[in-house]
Amino acid sequence: MAITFLDGSSLGLGFFIQALQAGRPIGRIFHSAGVYRFYPGDEPTLGAATLQGQDLDRLKDTIRERYRPGGS
């Protein structure tokens, strides 16, 4: 199942990138202070980012690797 990314936003959360696996949300990427942070699950929790980095494409590749079927 491929991981895809979709730009999104909401009044409460602002701008984010939704990470989807087989069309189902697995988390969100937020950008703040020059760093992209990936928060798994439906709602981000302050300090609960599992992955982060300054390069968005590299972070997306890491998410694809981590959340692929059979991944770690």
PDB file of N, CA and C in Angstrom:
ATOM      1  N   MET A   1       0.835  -1.176   0.000  1.00  0.00           N
ATOM      2  CA  MET A   1       0.000   0.000   0.000  1.00  0.00           C
ATOM      3  C   MET A   1       0.882   1.243   0.000  1.00  0.00           C
ATOM      4  N   ALA A   2       0.724   2.048  -0.990  1.00  0.00           N
ATOM      5  CA  ALA A   2       1.551   3.243  -1.130  1.00  0.00           C
ATOM      6  C   ALA A   2       1.165   4.310  -0.119  1.00  0.00           C
ATOM      7  N   ILE A   3       2.167   5.021   0.338  1.00  0.00           N
ATOM      8  CA  ILE A   3       1.955   6.188   1.197  1.00  0.00           C
ATOM      9  C   ILE A   3       1.870   7.399   0.268  1.00  0.00           C
ATOM     10  N   THR A   4       0.838   8.198   0.430  1.00  0.00           N
ATOM     11  CA  THR A   4       0.679   9.414  -0.358  1.00  0.00           C
ATOM     12  C   THR A   4       0.550  10.604   0.592  1.00  0.00           C
ATOM     13  N   PHE A   5       0.730  11.788   0.050  1.00  0.00           N
ATOM     14  CA  PHE A   5       0.691  13.005   0.850  1.00  0.00           C
ATOM     15  C   PHE A   5      -0.250  14.003   0.191  1.00  0.00           C
ATOM     16  N   LEU A   6      -1.079  14.648   1.006  1.00  0.00           N
ATOM     17  CA  LEU A   6      -2.091  15.563   0.518  1.00  0.00           C
ATOM     18  C   LEU A   6      -2.054  16.841   1.348  1.00  0.00           C
ATOM     19  N   ASP A   7      -1.913  17.992   0.685  1.00  0.00           N
ATOM     20  CA  ASP A   7      -1.949  19.259   1.409  1.00  0.00           C
ATOM     21  C   ASP A   7      -3.330  19.449   2.027  1.00  0.00           C
ATOM     22  N   GLY A   8      -3.352  19.958   3.239  1.00  0.00           N
ATOM     23  CA  GLY A   8      -4.624  20.192   3.915  1.00  0.00           C
ATOM     24  C   GLY A   8      -4.507  21.345   4.889  1.00  0.00           C
ATOM     25  N   SER A   9      -5.624  21.717   5.461  1.00  0.00           N
ATOM     26  CA  SER A   9      -5.639  22.748   6.488  1.00  0.00           C
ATOM     27  C   SER A   9      -6.955  22.684   7.238  1.00  0.00           C
ATOM     28  N   SER A  10      -6.954  23.260   8.411  1.00  0.00           N
ATOM     29  CA  SER A  10      -8.175  23.379   9.199  1.00  0.00           C
ATOM     30  C   SER A  10      -8.060  24.634  10.045  1.00  0.00           C
ATOM     31  N   LEU A  11      -9.171  25.121  10.513  1.00  0.00           N
ATOM     32  CA  LEU A  11      -9.139  26.324  11.345  1.00  0.00           C
ATOM     33  C   LEU A  11      -8.322  26.108  12.606  1.00  0.00           C
ATOM     34  N   GLY A  12      -8.468  24.962  13.235  1.00  0.00           N
ATOM     35  CA  GLY A  12      -7.777  24.707  14.491  1.00  0.00           C
ATOM     36  C   GLY A  12      -6.307  24.357  14.334  1.00  0.00           C
ATOM     37  N   LEU A  13      -5.963  23.654  13.249  1.00  0.00           N
ATOM     38  CA  LEU A  13      -4.596  23.170  13.104  1.00  0.00           C
ATOM     39  C   LEU A  13      -3.743  23.993  12.149  1.00  0.00           C
ATOM     40  N   GLY A  14      -4.360  24.806  11.312  1.00  0.00           N
ATOM     41  CA  GLY A  14      -3.600  25.559  10.321  1.00  0.00           C
ATOM     42  C   GLY A  14      -3.228  24.674   9.144  1.00  0.00           C
ATOM     43  N   PHE A  15      -2.137  25.016   8.444  1.00  0.00           N
ATOM     44  CA  PHE A  15      -1.708  24.259   7.275  1.00  0.00           C
ATOM     45  C   PHE A  15      -0.931  23.017   7.707  1.00  0.00           C
ATOM     46  N   PHE A  16      -1.175  21.900   7.041  1.00  0.00           N
ATOM     47  CA  PHE A  16      -0.448  20.657   7.298  1.00  0.00           C
ATOM     48  C   PHE A  16      -0.459  19.808   6.038  1.00  0.00           C
ATOM     49  N   ILE A  17       0.327  18.759   6.051  1.00  0.00           N
ATOM     50  CA  ILE A  17       0.334  17.779   4.974  1.00  0.00           C
ATOM     51  C   ILE A  17      -0.147  16.470   5.582  1.00  0.00           C
ATOM     52  N   GLN A  18      -1.224  15.935   5.037  1.00  0.00           N
ATOM     53  CA  GLN A  18      -1.806  14.682   5.530  1.00  0.00           C
ATOM     54  C   GLN A  18      -1.064  13.516   4.888  1.00  0.00           C
ATOM     55  N   ALA A  19      -0.626  12.552   5.694  1.00  0.00           N
ATOM     56  CA  ALA A  19      -0.015  11.326   5.188  1.00  0.00           C
ATOM     57  C   ALA A  19      -1.098  10.249   5.163  1.00  0.00           C
ATOM     58  N   LEU A  20      -1.245   9.598   4.013  1.00  0.00           N
ATOM     59  CA  LEU A  20      -2.286   8.585   3.826  1.00  0.00           C
ATOM     60  C   LEU A  20      -1.674   7.269   3.379  1.00  0.00           C
ATOM     61  N   GLN A  21      -2.218   6.181   3.892  1.00  0.00           N
ATOM     62  CA  GLN A  21      -1.830   4.842   3.439  1.00  0.00           C
ATOM     63  C   GLN A  21      -3.098   4.147   2.988  1.00  0.00           C
ATOM     64  N   ALA A  22      -3.148   3.789   1.703  1.00  0.00           N
ATOM     65  CA  ALA A  22      -4.342   3.182   1.112  1.00  0.00           C
ATOM     66  C   ALA A  22      -5.558   4.083   1.318  1.00  0.00           C
ATOM     67  N   GLY A  23      -5.342   5.396   1.248  1.00  0.00           N
ATOM     68  CA  GLY A  23      -6.425   6.355   1.389  1.00  0.00           C
ATOM     69  C   GLY A  23      -6.847   6.664   2.812  1.00  0.00           C
ATOM     70  N   ARG A  24      -6.219   6.018   3.797  1.00  0.00           N
ATOM     71  CA  ARG A  24      -6.559   6.251   5.209  1.00  0.00           C
ATOM     72  C   ARG A  24      -5.464   7.074   5.885  1.00  0.00           C
ATOM     73  N   PRO A  25      -5.854   8.057   6.691  1.00  0.00           N
ATOM     74  CA  PRO A  25      -4.840   8.904   7.338  1.00  0.00           C
ATOM     75  C   PRO A  25      -3.989   8.127   8.341  1.00  0.00           C
ATOM     76  N   ILE A  26      -2.680   8.360   8.271  1.00  0.00           N
ATOM     77  CA  ILE A  26      -1.778   7.754   9.257  1.00  0.00           C
ATOM     78  C   ILE A  26      -1.067   8.822  10.088  1.00  0.00           C
ATOM     79  N   GLY A  27      -1.182  10.082   9.674  1.00  0.00           N
ATOM     80  CA  GLY A  27      -0.553  11.154  10.441  1.00  0.00           C
ATOM     81  C   GLY A  27      -0.499  12.438   9.638  1.00  0.00           C
ATOM     82  N   ARG A  28       0.143  13.451  10.229  1.00  0.00           N
ATOM     83  CA  ARG A  28       0.239  14.767   9.607  1.00  0.00           C
ATOM     84  C   ARG A  28       1.641  15.323   9.773  1.00  0.00           C
ATOM     85  N   ILE A  29       2.050  16.102   8.775  1.00  0.00           N
ATOM     86  CA  ILE A  29       3.327  16.812   8.826  1.00  0.00           C
ATOM     87  C   ILE A  29       3.030  18.298   9.002  1.00  0.00           C
ATOM     88  N   PHE A  30       3.688  18.905   9.983  1.00  0.00           N
ATOM     89  CA  PHE A  30       3.575  20.341  10.219  1.00  0.00           C
ATOM     90  C   PHE A  30       4.953  20.961  10.051  1.00  0.00           C
ATOM     91  N   HIS A  31       5.002  22.229   9.644  1.00  0.00           N
ATOM     92  CA  HIS A  31       6.260  22.958   9.475  1.00  0.00           C
ATOM     93  C   HIS A  31       6.278  24.124  10.446  1.00  0.00           C
ATOM     94  N   SER A  32       7.312  24.174  11.264  1.00  0.00           N
ATOM     95  CA  SER A  32       7.435  25.241  12.247  1.00  0.00           C
ATOM     96  C   SER A  32       8.911  25.484  12.542  1.00  0.00           C
ATOM     97  N   ALA A  33       9.302  26.742  12.582  1.00  0.00           N
ATOM     98  CA  ALA A  33      10.672  27.130  12.936  1.00  0.00           C
ATOM     99  C   ALA A  33      11.711  26.413  12.076  1.00  0.00           C
ATOM    100  N   GLY A  34      11.407  26.230  10.777  1.00  0.00           N
ATOM    101  CA  GLY A  34      12.366  25.625   9.864  1.00  0.00           C
ATOM    102  C   GLY A  34      12.465  24.116   9.932  1.00  0.00           C
ATOM    103  N   VAL A  35      11.590  23.470  10.700  1.00  0.00           N
ATOM    104  CA  VAL A  35      11.639  22.013  10.856  1.00  0.00           C
ATOM    105  C   VAL A  35      10.275  21.422  10.520  1.00  0.00           C
ATOM    106  N   TYR A  36      10.285  20.340   9.737  1.00  0.00           N
ATOM    107  CA  TYR A  36       9.067  19.572   9.463  1.00  0.00           C
ATOM    108  C   TYR A  36       8.959  18.477  10.506  1.00  0.00           C
ATOM    109  N   ARG A  37       7.767  18.325  11.080  1.00  0.00           N
ATOM    110  CA  ARG A  37       7.541  17.312  12.123  1.00  0.00           C
ATOM    111  C   ARG A  37       6.356  16.435  11.743  1.00  0.00           C
ATOM    112  N   PHE A  38       6.539  15.114  11.851  1.00  0.00           N
ATOM    113  CA  PHE A  38       5.472  14.161  11.549  1.00  0.00           C
ATOM    114  C   PHE A  38       4.857  13.670  12.847  1.00  0.00           C
ATOM    115  N   TYR A  39       3.540  13.838  12.946  1.00  0.00           N
ATOM    116  CA  TYR A  39       2.773  13.378  14.102  1.00  0.00           C
ATOM    117  C   TYR A  39       1.864  12.250  13.644  1.00  0.00           C
ATOM    118  N   PRO A  40       2.046  11.038  14.163  1.00  0.00           N
ATOM    119  CA  PRO A  40       1.176   9.927  13.754  1.00  0.00           C
ATOM    120  C   PRO A  40      -0.207  10.048  14.386  1.00  0.00           C
ATOM    121  N   GLY A  41      -1.175   9.388  13.788  1.00  0.00           N
ATOM    122  CA  GLY A  41      -2.520   9.360  14.343  1.00  0.00           C
ATOM    123  C   GLY A  41      -3.407  10.468  13.828  1.00  0.00           C
ATOM    124  N   ASP A  42      -4.582  10.571  14.434  1.00  0.00           N
ATOM    125  CA  ASP A  42      -5.594  11.525  13.992  1.00  0.00           C
ATOM    126  C   ASP A  42      -5.344  12.948  14.474  1.00  0.00           C
ATOM    127  N   GLU A  43      -4.875  13.105  15.688  1.00  0.00           N
ATOM    128  CA  GLU A  43      -4.684  14.435  16.267  1.00  0.00           C
ATOM    129  C   GLU A  43      -3.245  14.590  16.758  1.00  0.00           C
ATOM    130  N   PRO A  44      -2.575  15.668  16.352  1.00  0.00           N
ATOM    131  CA  PRO A  44      -1.207  15.882  16.831  1.00  0.00           C
ATOM    132  C   PRO A  44      -1.188  16.227  18.314  1.00  0.00           C
ATOM    133  N   THR A  45      -0.200  15.715  19.021  1.00  0.00           N
ATOM    134  CA  THR A  45      -0.006  16.010  20.431  1.00  0.00           C
ATOM    135  C   THR A  45       1.328  16.721  20.583  1.00  0.00           C
ATOM    136  N   LEU A  46       1.334  17.860  21.229  1.00  0.00           N
ATOM    137  CA  LEU A  46       2.543  18.640  21.413  1.00  0.00           C
ATOM    138  C   LEU A  46       3.656  17.757  21.973  1.00  0.00           C
ATOM    139  N   GLY A  47       4.792  17.769  21.302  1.00  0.00           N
ATOM    140  CA  GLY A  47       5.943  16.990  21.759  1.00  0.00           C
ATOM    141  C   GLY A  47       5.921  15.537  21.348  1.00  0.00           C
ATOM    142  N   ALA A  48       4.916  15.108  20.570  1.00  0.00           N
ATOM    143  CA  ALA A  48       4.784  13.699  20.211  1.00  0.00           C
ATOM    144  C   ALA A  48       5.221  13.393  18.782  1.00  0.00           C
ATOM    145  N   ALA A  49       5.945  14.301  18.151  1.00  0.00           N
ATOM    146  CA  ALA A  49       6.409  14.051  16.788  1.00  0.00           C
ATOM    147  C   ALA A  49       7.362  12.858  16.798  1.00  0.00           C
ATOM    148  N   THR A  50       7.082  11.875  15.927  1.00  0.00           N
ATOM    149  CA  THR A  50       7.934  10.691  15.894  1.00  0.00           C
ATOM    150  C   THR A  50       9.094  10.841  14.925  1.00  0.00           C
ATOM    151  N   LEU A  51       8.927  11.686  13.920  1.00  0.00           N
ATOM    152  CA  LEU A  51       9.973  11.933  12.931  1.00  0.00           C
ATOM    153  C   LEU A  51      10.037  13.428  12.671  1.00  0.00           C
ATOM    154  N   GLN A  52      11.236  13.932  12.376  1.00  0.00           N
ATOM    155  CA  GLN A  52      11.360  15.347  12.057  1.00  0.00           C
ATOM    156  C   GLN A  52      12.620  15.578  11.247  1.00  0.00           C
ATOM    157  N   GLY A  53      12.634  16.687  10.520  1.00  0.00           N
ATOM    158  CA  GLY A  53      13.801  17.045   9.731  1.00  0.00           C
ATOM    159  C   GLY A  53      13.569  18.346   8.991  1.00  0.00           C
ATOM    160  N   GLN A  54      14.634  18.889   8.421  1.00  0.00           N
ATOM    161  CA  GLN A  54      14.553  20.149   7.708  1.00  0.00           C
ATOM    162  C   GLN A  54      14.227  19.974   6.236  1.00  0.00           C
ATOM    163  N   ASP A  55      14.378  18.768   5.703  1.00  0.00           N
ATOM    164  CA  ASP A  55      14.136  18.488   4.292  1.00  0.00           C
ATOM    165  C   ASP A  55      12.825  17.706   4.157  1.00  0.00           C
ATOM    166  N   LEU A  56      11.814  18.327   3.560  1.00  0.00           N
ATOM    167  CA  LEU A  56      10.491  17.704   3.455  1.00  0.00           C
ATOM    168  C   LEU A  56      10.537  16.411   2.637  1.00  0.00           C
ATOM    169  N   ASP A  57      11.239  16.416   1.514  1.00  0.00           N
ATOM    170  CA  ASP A  57      11.286  15.209   0.682  1.00  0.00           C
ATOM    171  C   ASP A  57      11.960  14.050   1.404  1.00  0.00           C
ATOM    172  N   ARG A  58      13.011  14.339   2.134  1.00  0.00           N
ATOM    173  CA  ARG A  58      13.695  13.287   2.905  1.00  0.00           C
ATOM    174  C   ARG A  58      12.779  12.757   4.015  1.00  0.00           C
ATOM    175  N   LEU A  59      12.031  13.644   4.664  1.00  0.00           N
ATOM    176  CA  LEU A  59      11.095  13.216   5.700  1.00  0.00           C
ATOM    177  C   LEU A  59      10.009  12.322   5.100  1.00  0.00           C
ATOM    178  N   LYS A  60       9.491  12.702   3.938  1.00  0.00           N
ATOM    179  CA  LYS A  60       8.482  11.864   3.271  1.00  0.00           C
ATOM    180  C   LYS A  60       9.043  10.475   2.951  1.00  0.00           C
ATOM    181  N   ASP A  61      10.287  10.416   2.480  1.00  0.00           N
ATOM    182  CA  ASP A  61      10.914   9.120   2.195  1.00  0.00           C
ATOM    183  C   ASP A  61      11.046   8.281   3.463  1.00  0.00           C
ATOM    184  N   THR A  62      11.399   8.927   4.574  1.00  0.00           N
ATOM    185  CA  THR A  62      11.518   8.222   5.852  1.00  0.00           C
ATOM    186  C   THR A  62      10.169   7.686   6.309  1.00  0.00           C
ATOM    187  N   ILE A  63       9.117   8.477   6.136  1.00  0.00           N
ATOM    188  CA  ILE A  63       7.762   8.028   6.498  1.00  0.00           C
ATOM    189  C   ILE A  63       7.370   6.836   5.639  1.00  0.00           C
ATOM    190  N   ARG A  64       7.634   6.909   4.330  1.00  0.00           N
ATOM    191  CA  ARG A  64       7.313   5.785   3.441  1.00  0.00           C
ATOM    192  C   ARG A  64       8.028   4.517   3.879  1.00  0.00           C
ATOM    193  N   GLU A  65       9.292   4.640   4.268  1.00  0.00           N
ATOM    194  CA  GLU A  65      10.064   3.484   4.708  1.00  0.00           C
ATOM    195  C   GLU A  65       9.531   2.929   6.043  1.00  0.00           C
ATOM    196  N   ARG A  66       9.263   3.815   6.976  1.00  0.00           N
ATOM    197  CA  ARG A  66       8.831   3.400   8.311  1.00  0.00           C
ATOM    198  C   ARG A  66       7.442   2.763   8.290  1.00  0.00           C
ATOM    199  N   TYR A  67       6.542   3.283   7.463  1.00  0.00           N
ATOM    200  CA  TYR A  67       5.150   2.838   7.484  1.00  0.00           C
ATOM    201  C   TYR A  67       4.789   1.904   6.337  1.00  0.00           C
ATOM    202  N   ARG A  68       5.777   1.416   5.598  1.00  0.00           N
ATOM    203  CA  ARG A  68       5.478   0.456   4.547  1.00  0.00           C
ATOM    204  C   ARG A  68       5.103  -0.871   5.178  1.00  0.00           C
ATOM    205  N   PRO A  69       4.288  -1.688   4.485  1.00  0.00           N
ATOM    206  CA  PRO A  69       3.965  -3.012   5.017  1.00  0.00           C
ATOM    207  C   PRO A  69       5.243  -3.791   5.292  1.00  0.00           C
ATOM    208  N   GLY A  70       5.348  -4.322   6.469  1.00  0.00           N
ATOM    209  CA  GLY A  70       6.553  -5.063   6.859  1.00  0.00           C
ATOM    210  C   GLY A  70       7.676  -4.163   7.338  1.00  0.00           C
ATOM    211  N   GLY A  71       7.448  -2.836   7.401  1.00  0.00           N
ATOM    212  CA  GLY A  71       8.460  -1.889   7.873  1.00  0.00           C
ATOM    213  C   GLY A  71       8.611  -1.955   9.372  1.00  0.00           C
ATOM    214  N   SER A  72       9.603  -1.250   9.886  1.00  0.00           N
ATOM    215  CA  SER A  72       9.847  -1.288  11.336  1.00  0.00           C
ATOM    216  C   SER A  72       8.905  -0.408  12.110  1.00  0.00           C
TER     217      SER A  72
END
